[in-house]
Amino acid sequence: MDSFSTVIRTASHEQHTEAETSTFMSDLLGGRLGVDAYARYTEQLWFVYEALEAGAGRLAADPVAGPFVRPELFRLGALERDLEHLRGPGWRSTLSALPATRVYADRVRECAEEWPGGYVAHHYTRYLGDLSGGQIIRDRAERTWGFARKGDGVRFYVFEGISNPAEFKRGYRERLDRVAADELERVRIVGECKRAFALNTGVFLALGEEYPLTA
């Protein structure tokens, strides 16, 4: 019988691939969009991680979500430093969420407040992705727009508190395998993982409309 972490990865593979291969992300990583598009994407991430991390303290003692609340994962401070570099010291005054981002962040906040299992689903799809595919984005951004290696502009992707990402990810998957949830709840968590990837794809689609490639 497959472990729960394997079940999640396998069940959400199609949605994960769709998110990774969106037109916007392909154009961004391919260097076909300017740094403004990268900055706009970073702004959208702020809203999602604000929703993820605002409720983290309240969930730290929860038997389901608590084991996943790890301060070394928190990204909001790094995002804010990146946004100051990308948009200037007044970045908060121009910060705006796309409608698709609002929907995504609202769902994350709803899970954080009402459903710890759903919070775990969003936590998994975001942070494990940041530790994995996020490193590709960092590398491309450094090379495309000249950011200092692991410096301002890409600090979101730099986990200074995690010295061995591979080991950390193994530990994370082990916590998933031991998650305090019965079989029915685990099915619901898998469904929420799929929803999380779909919400993320919705943000990419909206960004693609905002930043279409000109002929």
N, C-alpha and C. Protein backbone atom coordinates (compact mmCIF):
# COMPACT_ATOMS: atom_id res chain seq x y z
N MET A 1 0.85 -1.20 0.00
CA MET A 1 0.00 0.00 0.00
C MET A 1 0.88 1.25 0.00
N ASP A 2 0.57 2.18 -0.88
CA ASP A 2 1.38 3.40 -0.99
C ASP A 2 1.25 4.27 0.25
N SER A 3 2.34 4.97 0.57
CA SER A 3 2.30 5.92 1.68
C SER A 3 1.41 7.10 1.30
N PHE A 4 0.96 7.85 2.31
CA PHE A 4 0.08 8.98 2.04
C PHE A 4 0.78 10.05 1.20
N SER A 5 2.06 10.29 1.47
CA SER A 5 2.80 11.29 0.69
C SER A 5 2.88 10.87 -0.78
N THR A 6 3.01 9.59 -1.02
CA THR A 6 3.03 9.10 -2.41
C THR A 6 1.66 9.25 -3.05
N VAL A 7 0.63 8.95 -2.30
CA VAL A 7 -0.74 9.10 -2.81
C VAL A 7 -1.01 10.54 -3.22
N ILE A 8 -0.60 11.49 -2.37
CA ILE A 8 -0.81 12.91 -2.67
C ILE A 8 -0.05 13.31 -3.93
N ARG A 9 1.21 12.91 -4.00
CA ARG A 9 2.03 13.29 -5.16
C ARG A 9 1.46 12.71 -6.45
N THR A 10 1.04 11.47 -6.40
CA THR A 10 0.51 10.81 -7.60
C THR A 10 -0.84 11.39 -8.01
N ALA A 11 -1.71 11.61 -7.03
CA ALA A 11 -3.06 12.08 -7.32
C ALA A 11 -3.07 13.49 -7.88
N SER A 12 -2.11 14.31 -7.45
CA SER A 12 -2.09 15.71 -7.88
C SER A 12 -1.10 15.97 -9.02
N HIS A 13 -0.55 14.90 -9.59
CA HIS A 13 0.50 15.07 -10.60
C HIS A 13 -0.01 15.86 -11.81
N GLU A 14 -1.20 15.55 -12.29
CA GLU A 14 -1.73 16.23 -13.48
C GLU A 14 -1.89 17.72 -13.23
N GLN A 15 -2.48 18.08 -12.07
CA GLN A 15 -2.68 19.49 -11.75
C GLN A 15 -1.34 20.20 -11.53
N HIS A 16 -0.39 19.49 -10.93
CA HIS A 16 0.93 20.05 -10.69
C HIS A 16 1.61 20.38 -12.02
N THR A 17 1.53 19.45 -12.95
CA THR A 17 2.15 19.65 -14.27
C THR A 17 1.50 20.81 -15.01
N GLU A 18 0.17 20.91 -14.89
CA GLU A 18 -0.55 22.00 -15.56
C GLU A 18 -0.09 23.36 -15.03
N ALA A 19 0.12 23.43 -13.71
CA ALA A 19 0.58 24.69 -13.10
C ALA A 19 1.99 25.03 -13.57
N GLU A 20 2.86 24.02 -13.56
CA GLU A 20 4.27 24.24 -13.91
C GLU A 20 4.44 24.66 -15.37
N THR A 21 3.57 24.16 -16.23
CA THR A 21 3.73 24.39 -17.67
C THR A 21 2.78 25.46 -18.21
N SER A 22 2.23 26.29 -17.33
CA SER A 22 1.36 27.36 -17.79
C SER A 22 2.13 28.28 -18.73
N THR A 23 1.40 28.93 -19.62
CA THR A 23 2.04 29.81 -20.59
C THR A 23 2.82 30.92 -19.90
N PHE A 24 2.21 31.51 -18.87
CA PHE A 24 2.90 32.60 -18.17
C PHE A 24 4.22 32.13 -17.58
N MET A 25 4.19 31.01 -16.86
CA MET A 25 5.42 30.55 -16.23
C MET A 25 6.45 30.13 -17.27
N SER A 26 6.01 29.52 -18.35
CA SER A 26 6.94 29.15 -19.42
C SER A 26 7.59 30.38 -20.03
N ASP A 27 6.80 31.42 -20.26
CA ASP A 27 7.34 32.66 -20.83
C ASP A 27 8.26 33.36 -19.84
N LEU A 28 7.88 33.33 -18.56
CA LEU A 28 8.71 33.99 -17.54
C LEU A 28 10.06 33.30 -17.42
N LEU A 29 10.04 31.97 -17.30
CA LEU A 29 11.28 31.23 -17.14
C LEU A 29 12.10 31.19 -18.42
N GLY A 30 11.42 31.40 -19.53
CA GLY A 30 12.13 31.41 -20.81
C GLY A 30 12.75 32.76 -21.13
N GLY A 31 12.60 33.73 -20.22
CA GLY A 31 13.19 35.04 -20.43
C GLY A 31 12.46 35.89 -21.44
N ARG A 32 11.21 35.53 -21.74
CA ARG A 32 10.46 36.27 -22.75
C ARG A 32 9.60 37.38 -22.14
N LEU A 33 9.60 37.48 -20.83
CA LEU A 33 8.87 38.55 -20.14
C LEU A 33 9.85 39.39 -19.33
N GLY A 34 9.50 40.62 -19.11
CA GLY A 34 10.39 41.52 -18.38
C GLY A 34 10.31 41.34 -16.88
N VAL A 35 11.15 42.06 -16.18
CA VAL A 35 11.23 41.95 -14.73
C VAL A 35 9.94 42.44 -14.06
N ASP A 36 9.17 43.28 -14.74
CA ASP A 36 7.90 43.74 -14.17
C ASP A 36 6.93 42.57 -13.99
N ALA A 37 6.94 41.63 -14.94
CA ALA A 37 6.07 40.46 -14.82
C ALA A 37 6.50 39.60 -13.63
N TYR A 38 7.79 39.49 -13.42
CA TYR A 38 8.32 38.74 -12.27
C TYR A 38 7.90 39.43 -10.97
N ALA A 39 7.98 40.75 -10.95
CA ALA A 39 7.59 41.51 -9.76
C ALA A 39 6.09 41.35 -9.49
N ARG A 40 5.30 41.36 -10.54
CA ARG A 40 3.84 41.21 -10.38
C ARG A 40 3.51 39.82 -9.83
N TYR A 41 4.22 38.81 -10.30
CA TYR A 41 4.04 37.47 -9.78
C TYR A 41 4.41 37.42 -8.30
N THR A 42 5.50 38.07 -7.94
CA THR A 42 5.94 38.10 -6.55
C THR A 42 4.89 38.78 -5.67
N GLU A 43 4.25 39.82 -6.19
CA GLU A 43 3.17 40.48 -5.45
C GLU A 43 2.04 39.49 -5.14
N GLN A 44 1.69 38.67 -6.12
CA GLN A 44 0.59 37.72 -5.91
C GLN A 44 0.96 36.69 -4.85
N LEU A 45 2.22 36.30 -4.83
CA LEU A 45 2.68 35.36 -3.81
C LEU A 45 2.50 35.94 -2.41
N TRP A 46 2.71 37.25 -2.27
CA TRP A 46 2.58 37.87 -0.96
C TRP A 46 1.20 37.60 -0.36
N PHE A 47 0.16 37.73 -1.15
CA PHE A 47 -1.20 37.54 -0.64
C PHE A 47 -1.43 36.10 -0.20
N VAL A 48 -0.91 35.15 -0.95
CA VAL A 48 -1.08 33.73 -0.61
C VAL A 48 -0.34 33.39 0.68
N TYR A 49 0.89 33.88 0.80
CA TYR A 49 1.68 33.54 1.98
C TYR A 49 1.25 34.32 3.21
N GLU A 50 0.67 35.49 3.02
CA GLU A 50 0.10 36.21 4.14
C GLU A 50 -1.04 35.39 4.73
N ALA A 51 -1.85 34.78 3.86
CA ALA A 51 -2.95 33.93 4.32
C ALA A 51 -2.43 32.66 4.99
N LEU A 52 -1.38 32.08 4.42
CA LEU A 52 -0.80 30.86 4.99
C LEU A 52 -0.19 31.10 6.37
N GLU A 53 0.51 32.21 6.51
CA GLU A 53 1.31 32.40 7.71
C GLU A 53 0.62 33.20 8.80
N ALA A 54 -0.43 33.92 8.44
CA ALA A 54 -1.16 34.69 9.45
C ALA A 54 -1.79 33.77 10.49
N GLY A 55 -2.24 32.61 10.05
CA GLY A 55 -2.89 31.67 10.97
C GLY A 55 -1.99 30.58 11.50
N ALA A 56 -0.72 30.63 11.16
CA ALA A 56 0.19 29.54 11.53
C ALA A 56 0.34 29.42 13.06
N GLY A 57 0.45 30.55 13.73
CA GLY A 57 0.63 30.51 15.18
C GLY A 57 -0.54 29.83 15.88
N ARG A 58 -1.72 30.11 15.41
CA ARG A 58 -2.93 29.52 16.00
C ARG A 58 -2.98 28.01 15.78
N LEU A 59 -2.37 27.54 14.68
CA LEU A 59 -2.41 26.12 14.33
C LEU A 59 -1.22 25.33 14.87
N ALA A 60 -0.28 26.01 15.50
CA ALA A 60 0.95 25.34 15.93
C ALA A 60 0.68 24.18 16.88
N ALA A 61 -0.37 24.28 17.69
CA ALA A 61 -0.68 23.22 18.65
C ALA A 61 -1.74 22.25 18.14
N ASP A 62 -2.19 22.45 16.92
CA ASP A 62 -3.22 21.57 16.37
C ASP A 62 -2.62 20.20 16.05
N PRO A 63 -3.32 19.10 16.41
CA PRO A 63 -2.74 17.77 16.17
C PRO A 63 -2.56 17.42 14.70
N VAL A 64 -3.35 18.02 13.81
CA VAL A 64 -3.23 17.73 12.38
C VAL A 64 -2.23 18.67 11.73
N ALA A 65 -2.44 19.97 11.86
CA ALA A 65 -1.60 20.94 11.16
C ALA A 65 -0.32 21.29 11.91
N GLY A 66 -0.34 21.17 13.23
CA GLY A 66 0.77 21.60 14.05
C GLY A 66 2.14 21.07 13.64
N PRO A 67 2.26 19.77 13.33
CA PRO A 67 3.58 19.24 12.97
C PRO A 67 4.19 19.89 11.72
N PHE A 68 3.38 20.57 10.94
CA PHE A 68 3.88 21.16 9.69
C PHE A 68 4.25 22.63 9.84
N VAL A 69 3.85 23.23 10.95
CA VAL A 69 4.13 24.65 11.17
C VAL A 69 5.58 24.78 11.64
N ARG A 70 6.45 25.16 10.72
CA ARG A 70 7.88 25.26 11.01
C ARG A 70 8.36 26.66 10.62
N PRO A 71 8.84 27.44 11.59
CA PRO A 71 9.26 28.82 11.30
C PRO A 71 10.31 28.93 10.20
N GLU A 72 11.15 27.90 10.04
CA GLU A 72 12.19 27.99 9.01
C GLU A 72 11.61 27.98 7.59
N LEU A 73 10.32 27.65 7.47
CA LEU A 73 9.67 27.68 6.17
C LEU A 73 9.06 29.04 5.84
N PHE A 74 8.79 29.85 6.85
CA PHE A 74 8.04 31.08 6.64
C PHE A 74 8.70 31.95 5.56
N ARG A 75 7.87 32.49 4.67
CA ARG A 75 8.36 33.22 3.51
C ARG A 75 7.98 34.70 3.48
N LEU A 76 7.08 35.13 4.34
CA LEU A 76 6.53 36.48 4.21
C LEU A 76 7.61 37.55 4.34
N GLY A 77 8.49 37.40 5.30
CA GLY A 77 9.56 38.39 5.48
C GLY A 77 10.46 38.48 4.26
N ALA A 78 10.80 37.34 3.69
CA ALA A 78 11.65 37.31 2.49
C ALA A 78 10.91 37.94 1.31
N LEU A 79 9.62 37.65 1.19
CA LEU A 79 8.83 38.25 0.11
C LEU A 79 8.81 39.78 0.22
N GLU A 80 8.67 40.27 1.43
CA GLU A 80 8.61 41.72 1.62
C GLU A 80 9.95 42.37 1.29
N ARG A 81 11.03 41.70 1.59
CA ARG A 81 12.34 42.23 1.24
C ARG A 81 12.51 42.23 -0.29
N ASP A 82 12.04 41.16 -0.94
CA ASP A 82 12.11 41.12 -2.40
C ASP A 82 11.27 42.22 -3.03
N LEU A 83 10.08 42.44 -2.48
CA LEU A 83 9.20 43.45 -3.05
C LEU A 83 9.76 44.85 -2.86
N GLU A 84 10.43 45.09 -1.76
CA GLU A 84 11.07 46.40 -1.58
C GLU A 84 12.16 46.60 -2.62
N HIS A 85 12.88 45.52 -2.94
CA HIS A 85 13.92 45.61 -3.96
C HIS A 85 13.31 45.80 -5.35
N LEU A 86 12.21 45.11 -5.61
CA LEU A 86 11.60 45.13 -6.94
C LEU A 86 10.76 46.39 -7.19
N ARG A 87 10.04 46.83 -6.16
CA ARG A 87 9.08 47.92 -6.33
C ARG A 87 9.46 49.21 -5.60
N GLY A 88 10.47 49.13 -4.74
CA GLY A 88 10.86 50.31 -3.99
C GLY A 88 10.24 50.32 -2.60
N PRO A 89 10.67 51.28 -1.75
CA PRO A 89 10.22 51.32 -0.36
C PRO A 89 8.72 51.53 -0.20
N GLY A 90 8.06 52.06 -1.21
CA GLY A 90 6.62 52.27 -1.11
C GLY A 90 5.81 51.14 -1.70
N TRP A 91 6.37 49.94 -1.76
CA TRP A 91 5.71 48.83 -2.45
C TRP A 91 4.32 48.50 -1.92
N ARG A 92 4.11 48.72 -0.63
CA ARG A 92 2.80 48.37 -0.07
C ARG A 92 1.68 49.24 -0.66
N SER A 93 2.00 50.48 -1.02
CA SER A 93 0.97 51.40 -1.51
C SER A 93 0.48 51.02 -2.91
N THR A 94 1.26 50.23 -3.64
CA THR A 94 0.84 49.82 -4.99
C THR A 94 0.49 48.34 -5.06
N LEU A 95 0.58 47.64 -3.94
CA LEU A 95 0.30 46.20 -3.91
C LEU A 95 -1.16 45.93 -4.23
N SER A 96 -1.42 45.04 -5.17
CA SER A 96 -2.80 44.69 -5.50
C SER A 96 -2.89 43.23 -5.92
N ALA A 97 -3.97 42.60 -5.52
CA ALA A 97 -4.19 41.19 -5.84
C ALA A 97 -5.10 41.06 -7.05
N LEU A 98 -4.73 40.17 -7.94
CA LEU A 98 -5.63 39.81 -9.04
C LEU A 98 -6.85 39.10 -8.45
N PRO A 99 -8.01 39.15 -9.11
CA PRO A 99 -9.18 38.43 -8.60
C PRO A 99 -8.90 36.95 -8.34
N ALA A 100 -8.14 36.32 -9.21
CA ALA A 100 -7.81 34.89 -9.01
C ALA A 100 -6.96 34.70 -7.77
N THR A 101 -6.11 35.67 -7.48
CA THR A 101 -5.28 35.60 -6.27
C THR A 101 -6.14 35.75 -5.03
N ARG A 102 -7.12 36.64 -5.09
CA ARG A 102 -8.04 36.82 -3.96
C ARG A 102 -8.77 35.51 -3.65
N VAL A 103 -9.22 34.84 -4.68
CA VAL A 103 -9.93 33.56 -4.50
C VAL A 103 -9.00 32.55 -3.83
N TYR A 104 -7.78 32.48 -4.32
CA TYR A 104 -6.78 31.55 -3.79
C TYR A 104 -6.48 31.87 -2.32
N ALA A 105 -6.15 33.10 -2.03
CA ALA A 105 -5.81 33.49 -0.66
C ALA A 105 -6.99 33.31 0.29
N ASP A 106 -8.20 33.60 -0.19
CA ASP A 106 -9.38 33.43 0.66
C ASP A 106 -9.59 31.96 1.01
N ARG A 107 -9.33 31.08 0.06
CA ARG A 107 -9.48 29.65 0.34
C ARG A 107 -8.43 29.17 1.34
N VAL A 108 -7.20 29.65 1.19
CA VAL A 108 -6.16 29.30 2.16
C VAL A 108 -6.55 29.77 3.55
N ARG A 109 -7.03 31.00 3.65
CA ARG A 109 -7.41 31.56 4.95
C ARG A 109 -8.60 30.80 5.54
N GLU A 110 -9.54 30.42 4.70
CA GLU A 110 -10.69 29.65 5.16
C GLU A 110 -10.24 28.31 5.77
N CYS A 111 -9.32 27.64 5.10
CA CYS A 111 -8.81 26.37 5.62
C CYS A 111 -8.04 26.59 6.93
N ALA A 112 -7.24 27.65 6.98
CA ALA A 112 -6.47 27.94 8.19
C ALA A 112 -7.39 28.17 9.38
N GLU A 113 -8.54 28.76 9.13
CA GLU A 113 -9.46 29.09 10.21
C GLU A 113 -10.42 27.96 10.57
N GLU A 114 -10.75 27.11 9.57
CA GLU A 114 -11.84 26.15 9.79
C GLU A 114 -11.47 24.68 9.57
N TRP A 115 -10.39 24.40 8.86
CA TRP A 115 -10.12 23.01 8.49
C TRP A 115 -8.61 22.75 8.45
N PRO A 116 -8.04 22.27 9.54
CA PRO A 116 -6.60 22.02 9.59
C PRO A 116 -6.10 21.08 8.49
N GLY A 117 -6.88 20.08 8.13
CA GLY A 117 -6.47 19.17 7.06
C GLY A 117 -6.32 19.89 5.74
N GLY A 118 -7.23 20.80 5.46
CA GLY A 118 -7.14 21.59 4.24
C GLY A 118 -5.94 22.51 4.27
N TYR A 119 -5.64 23.04 5.46
CA TYR A 119 -4.45 23.87 5.60
C TYR A 119 -3.20 23.08 5.27
N VAL A 120 -3.13 21.83 5.71
CA VAL A 120 -1.98 20.97 5.40
C VAL A 120 -1.85 20.80 3.89
N ALA A 121 -2.97 20.65 3.19
CA ALA A 121 -2.93 20.49 1.73
C ALA A 121 -2.29 21.70 1.07
N HIS A 122 -2.68 22.89 1.49
CA HIS A 122 -2.11 24.11 0.90
C HIS A 122 -0.66 24.31 1.33
N HIS A 123 -0.36 23.97 2.56
CA HIS A 123 1.00 24.05 3.08
C HIS A 123 1.92 23.17 2.23
N TYR A 124 1.50 21.95 1.98
CA TYR A 124 2.29 21.00 1.18
C TYR A 124 2.53 21.52 -0.23
N THR A 125 1.47 21.96 -0.89
CA THR A 125 1.62 22.36 -2.29
C THR A 125 2.50 23.59 -2.43
N ARG A 126 2.48 24.48 -1.43
CA ARG A 126 3.31 25.68 -1.54
C ARG A 126 4.75 25.42 -1.13
N TYR A 127 4.96 25.02 0.10
CA TYR A 127 6.33 25.00 0.63
C TYR A 127 7.20 23.91 0.01
N LEU A 128 6.64 22.73 -0.24
CA LEU A 128 7.47 21.72 -0.88
C LEU A 128 7.80 22.11 -2.32
N GLY A 129 6.87 22.83 -2.95
CA GLY A 129 7.16 23.35 -4.29
C GLY A 129 8.26 24.39 -4.27
N ASP A 130 8.25 25.24 -3.24
CA ASP A 130 9.29 26.28 -3.12
C ASP A 130 10.67 25.64 -2.94
N LEU A 131 10.71 24.57 -2.17
CA LEU A 131 11.99 23.90 -1.92
C LEU A 131 12.48 23.11 -3.13
N SER A 132 11.58 22.82 -4.06
CA SER A 132 11.94 22.02 -5.23
C SER A 132 11.99 22.90 -6.48
N GLY A 133 10.87 22.99 -7.19
CA GLY A 133 10.84 23.76 -8.43
C GLY A 133 11.14 25.23 -8.24
N GLY A 134 10.92 25.74 -7.05
CA GLY A 134 11.20 27.15 -6.78
C GLY A 134 12.67 27.49 -7.00
N GLN A 135 13.53 26.50 -6.83
CA GLN A 135 14.96 26.76 -7.02
C GLN A 135 15.30 26.98 -8.49
N ILE A 136 14.51 26.40 -9.37
CA ILE A 136 14.69 26.64 -10.81
C ILE A 136 14.32 28.09 -11.13
N ILE A 137 13.22 28.56 -10.52
CA ILE A 137 12.80 29.95 -10.73
C ILE A 137 13.89 30.91 -10.24
N ARG A 138 14.44 30.63 -9.07
CA ARG A 138 15.50 31.49 -8.53
C ARG A 138 16.69 31.57 -9.48
N ASP A 139 17.11 30.43 -9.96
CA ASP A 139 18.28 30.39 -10.85
C ASP A 139 18.01 31.17 -12.14
N ARG A 140 16.82 30.97 -12.71
CA ARG A 140 16.48 31.69 -13.95
C ARG A 140 16.38 33.19 -13.71
N ALA A 141 15.79 33.56 -12.59
CA ALA A 141 15.64 34.99 -12.28
C ALA A 141 17.00 35.65 -12.10
N GLU A 142 17.91 34.97 -11.43
CA GLU A 142 19.25 35.52 -11.23
C GLU A 142 19.94 35.74 -12.57
N ARG A 143 19.80 34.79 -13.45
CA ARG A 143 20.49 34.88 -14.74
C ARG A 143 19.81 35.85 -15.70
N THR A 144 18.47 35.90 -15.65
CA THR A 144 17.72 36.74 -16.59
C THR A 144 17.76 38.21 -16.22
N TRP A 145 17.60 38.51 -14.92
CA TRP A 145 17.48 39.91 -14.52
C TRP A 145 18.64 40.39 -13.65
N GLY A 146 19.65 39.58 -13.49
CA GLY A 146 20.87 40.01 -12.84
C GLY A 146 20.80 40.17 -11.33
N PHE A 147 19.87 39.49 -10.67
CA PHE A 147 19.83 39.55 -9.22
C PHE A 147 21.08 38.88 -8.65
N ALA A 148 21.55 39.38 -7.53
CA ALA A 148 22.68 38.73 -6.84
C ALA A 148 22.27 37.33 -6.43
N ARG A 149 23.19 36.40 -6.50
CA ARG A 149 22.87 35.02 -6.16
C ARG A 149 22.34 34.92 -4.74
N LYS A 150 21.12 34.44 -4.63
CA LYS A 150 20.42 34.28 -3.35
C LYS A 150 20.26 35.61 -2.61
N GLY A 151 20.22 36.70 -3.38
CA GLY A 151 20.13 38.02 -2.79
C GLY A 151 18.76 38.66 -2.95
N ASP A 152 18.70 39.97 -2.74
CA ASP A 152 17.44 40.69 -2.85
C ASP A 152 16.83 40.49 -4.24
N GLY A 153 15.56 40.21 -4.26
CA GLY A 153 14.85 39.91 -5.51
C GLY A 153 14.51 38.44 -5.61
N VAL A 154 15.33 37.58 -4.99
CA VAL A 154 15.06 36.13 -5.03
C VAL A 154 15.13 35.51 -3.63
N ARG A 155 15.07 36.33 -2.59
CA ARG A 155 15.19 35.78 -1.24
C ARG A 155 14.03 34.87 -0.87
N PHE A 156 12.90 35.05 -1.53
CA PHE A 156 11.75 34.17 -1.31
C PHE A 156 12.13 32.70 -1.49
N TYR A 157 13.03 32.43 -2.42
CA TYR A 157 13.41 31.06 -2.75
C TYR A 157 14.59 30.54 -1.93
N VAL A 158 15.09 31.36 -1.00
CA VAL A 158 16.27 31.00 -0.22
C VAL A 158 15.85 30.67 1.21
N PHE A 159 16.02 29.41 1.59
CA PHE A 159 15.63 28.95 2.92
C PHE A 159 16.88 28.88 3.79
N GLU A 160 17.20 30.00 4.41
CA GLU A 160 18.45 30.07 5.17
C GLU A 160 18.44 29.16 6.40
N GLY A 161 17.26 28.83 6.91
CA GLY A 161 17.16 27.98 8.08
C GLY A 161 17.16 26.50 7.78
N ILE A 162 17.26 26.14 6.49
CA ILE A 162 17.23 24.73 6.10
C ILE A 162 18.55 24.42 5.39
N SER A 163 19.44 23.77 6.08
CA SER A 163 20.77 23.51 5.53
C SER A 163 20.79 22.35 4.55
N ASN A 164 19.84 21.42 4.70
CA ASN A 164 19.78 20.24 3.82
C ASN A 164 18.35 20.08 3.31
N PRO A 165 18.01 20.72 2.19
CA PRO A 165 16.63 20.65 1.69
C PRO A 165 16.15 19.23 1.42
N ALA A 166 17.01 18.37 0.88
CA ALA A 166 16.60 17.00 0.58
C ALA A 166 16.18 16.27 1.86
N GLU A 167 16.97 16.44 2.90
CA GLU A 167 16.65 15.81 4.18
C GLU A 167 15.38 16.39 4.78
N PHE A 168 15.22 17.70 4.65
CA PHE A 168 14.02 18.35 5.18
C PHE A 168 12.78 17.82 4.46
N LYS A 169 12.86 17.69 3.14
CA LYS A 169 11.72 17.19 2.37
C LYS A 169 11.38 15.75 2.74
N ARG A 170 12.39 14.94 3.01
CA ARG A 170 12.12 13.57 3.46
C ARG A 170 11.37 13.59 4.79
N GLY A 171 11.82 14.44 5.70
CA GLY A 171 11.15 14.55 6.98
C GLY A 171 9.72 15.05 6.83
N TYR A 172 9.52 15.98 5.92
CA TYR A 172 8.18 16.52 5.68
C TYR A 172 7.25 15.41 5.19
N ARG A 173 7.74 14.61 4.25
CA ARG A 173 6.92 13.52 3.72
C ARG A 173 6.62 12.48 4.80
N GLU A 174 7.55 12.27 5.68
CA GLU A 174 7.30 11.35 6.80
C GLU A 174 6.21 11.90 7.71
N ARG A 175 6.19 13.21 7.92
CA ARG A 175 5.11 13.81 8.71
C ARG A 175 3.78 13.67 8.00
N LEU A 176 3.79 13.81 6.68
CA LEU A 176 2.56 13.58 5.92
C LEU A 176 2.06 12.15 6.11
N ASP A 177 2.97 11.20 6.07
CA ASP A 177 2.58 9.79 6.22
C ASP A 177 1.97 9.52 7.59
N ARG A 178 2.35 10.32 8.59
CA ARG A 178 1.86 10.13 9.95
C ARG A 178 0.73 11.10 10.31
N VAL A 179 0.23 11.85 9.35
CA VAL A 179 -0.75 12.88 9.64
C VAL A 179 -1.93 12.30 10.41
N ALA A 180 -2.39 13.03 11.42
CA ALA A 180 -3.45 12.55 12.30
C ALA A 180 -4.81 12.70 11.62
N ALA A 181 -5.08 11.82 10.67
CA ALA A 181 -6.32 11.89 9.90
C ALA A 181 -6.73 10.47 9.49
N ASP A 182 -8.03 10.20 9.55
CA ASP A 182 -8.50 8.88 9.11
C ASP A 182 -8.56 8.83 7.58
N GLU A 183 -8.96 7.70 7.04
CA GLU A 183 -8.90 7.50 5.60
C GLU A 183 -9.79 8.50 4.84
N LEU A 184 -10.98 8.76 5.37
CA LEU A 184 -11.88 9.70 4.71
C LEU A 184 -11.29 11.10 4.69
N GLU A 185 -10.70 11.50 5.81
CA GLU A 185 -10.08 12.83 5.89
C GLU A 185 -8.89 12.92 4.94
N ARG A 186 -8.15 11.85 4.81
CA ARG A 186 -7.01 11.85 3.88
C ARG A 186 -7.47 12.01 2.43
N VAL A 187 -8.59 11.42 2.11
CA VAL A 187 -9.16 11.60 0.76
C VAL A 187 -9.52 13.07 0.54
N ARG A 188 -10.09 13.69 1.56
CA ARG A 188 -10.45 15.10 1.47
C ARG A 188 -9.18 15.98 1.31
N ILE A 189 -8.12 15.63 2.02
CA ILE A 189 -6.87 16.39 1.92
C ILE A 189 -6.30 16.29 0.51
N VAL A 190 -6.35 15.10 -0.07
CA VAL A 190 -5.87 14.91 -1.44
C VAL A 190 -6.69 15.78 -2.40
N GLY A 191 -8.00 15.81 -2.19
CA GLY A 191 -8.85 16.65 -3.03
C GLY A 191 -8.51 18.12 -2.90
N GLU A 192 -8.15 18.55 -1.70
CA GLU A 192 -7.79 19.95 -1.50
C GLU A 192 -6.44 20.27 -2.14
N CYS A 193 -5.54 19.29 -2.17
CA CYS A 193 -4.27 19.48 -2.88
C CYS A 193 -4.53 19.77 -4.36
N LYS A 194 -5.42 19.01 -4.94
CA LYS A 194 -5.77 19.23 -6.35
C LYS A 194 -6.37 20.62 -6.52
N ARG A 195 -7.21 21.01 -5.59
CA ARG A 195 -7.82 22.34 -5.66
C ARG A 195 -6.76 23.43 -5.53
N ALA A 196 -5.78 23.21 -4.67
CA ALA A 196 -4.71 24.20 -4.49
C ALA A 196 -3.94 24.42 -5.78
N PHE A 197 -3.60 23.34 -6.46
CA PHE A 197 -2.89 23.48 -7.74
C PHE A 197 -3.76 24.18 -8.77
N ALA A 198 -5.06 23.89 -8.77
CA ALA A 198 -5.97 24.54 -9.71
C ALA A 198 -6.06 26.04 -9.42
N LEU A 199 -6.10 26.41 -8.14
CA LEU A 199 -6.14 27.82 -7.78
C LEU A 199 -4.85 28.53 -8.20
N ASN A 200 -3.74 27.86 -8.03
CA ASN A 200 -2.46 28.42 -8.46
C ASN A 200 -2.43 28.61 -9.97
N THR A 201 -2.94 27.62 -10.70
CA THR A 201 -3.02 27.73 -12.16
C THR A 201 -3.90 28.90 -12.57
N GLY A 202 -4.97 29.14 -11.81
CA GLY A 202 -5.84 30.28 -12.09
C GLY A 202 -5.09 31.60 -12.00
N VAL A 203 -4.18 31.71 -11.04
CA VAL A 203 -3.36 32.92 -10.92
C VAL A 203 -2.44 33.05 -12.13
N PHE A 204 -1.84 31.95 -12.56
CA PHE A 204 -0.97 31.98 -13.73
C PHE A 204 -1.74 32.40 -14.98
N LEU A 205 -2.96 31.91 -15.12
CA LEU A 205 -3.78 32.28 -16.28
C LEU A 205 -4.07 33.77 -16.27
N ALA A 206 -4.38 34.30 -15.09
CA ALA A 206 -4.68 35.73 -14.97
C ALA A 206 -3.43 36.56 -15.27
N LEU A 207 -2.27 36.11 -14.80
CA LEU A 207 -1.03 36.80 -15.09
C LEU A 207 -0.70 36.74 -16.59
N GLY A 208 -1.03 35.61 -17.20
CA GLY A 208 -0.82 35.48 -18.63
C GLY A 208 -1.65 36.45 -19.44
N GLU A 209 -2.85 36.73 -18.95
CA GLU A 209 -3.71 37.72 -19.62
C GLU A 209 -3.16 39.13 -19.43
N GLU A 210 -2.57 39.37 -18.28
CA GLU A 210 -2.01 40.69 -18.00
C GLU A 210 -0.69 40.93 -18.73
N TYR A 211 0.04 39.84 -18.99
CA TYR A 211 1.33 39.95 -19.66
C TYR A 211 1.39 39.03 -20.89
N PRO A 212 0.56 39.34 -21.89
CA PRO A 212 0.62 38.53 -23.12
C PRO A 212 1.87 38.88 -23.91
N LEU A 213 2.40 37.89 -24.60
CA LEU A 213 3.56 38.17 -25.46
C LEU A 213 3.08 38.91 -26.70
N THR A 214 3.75 39.98 -27.05
CA THR A 214 3.39 40.69 -28.28
C THR A 214 4.02 39.99 -29.46
N ALA A 215 3.40 40.11 -30.60
CA ALA A 215 3.93 39.46 -31.81
C ALA A 215 5.24 40.07 -32.21
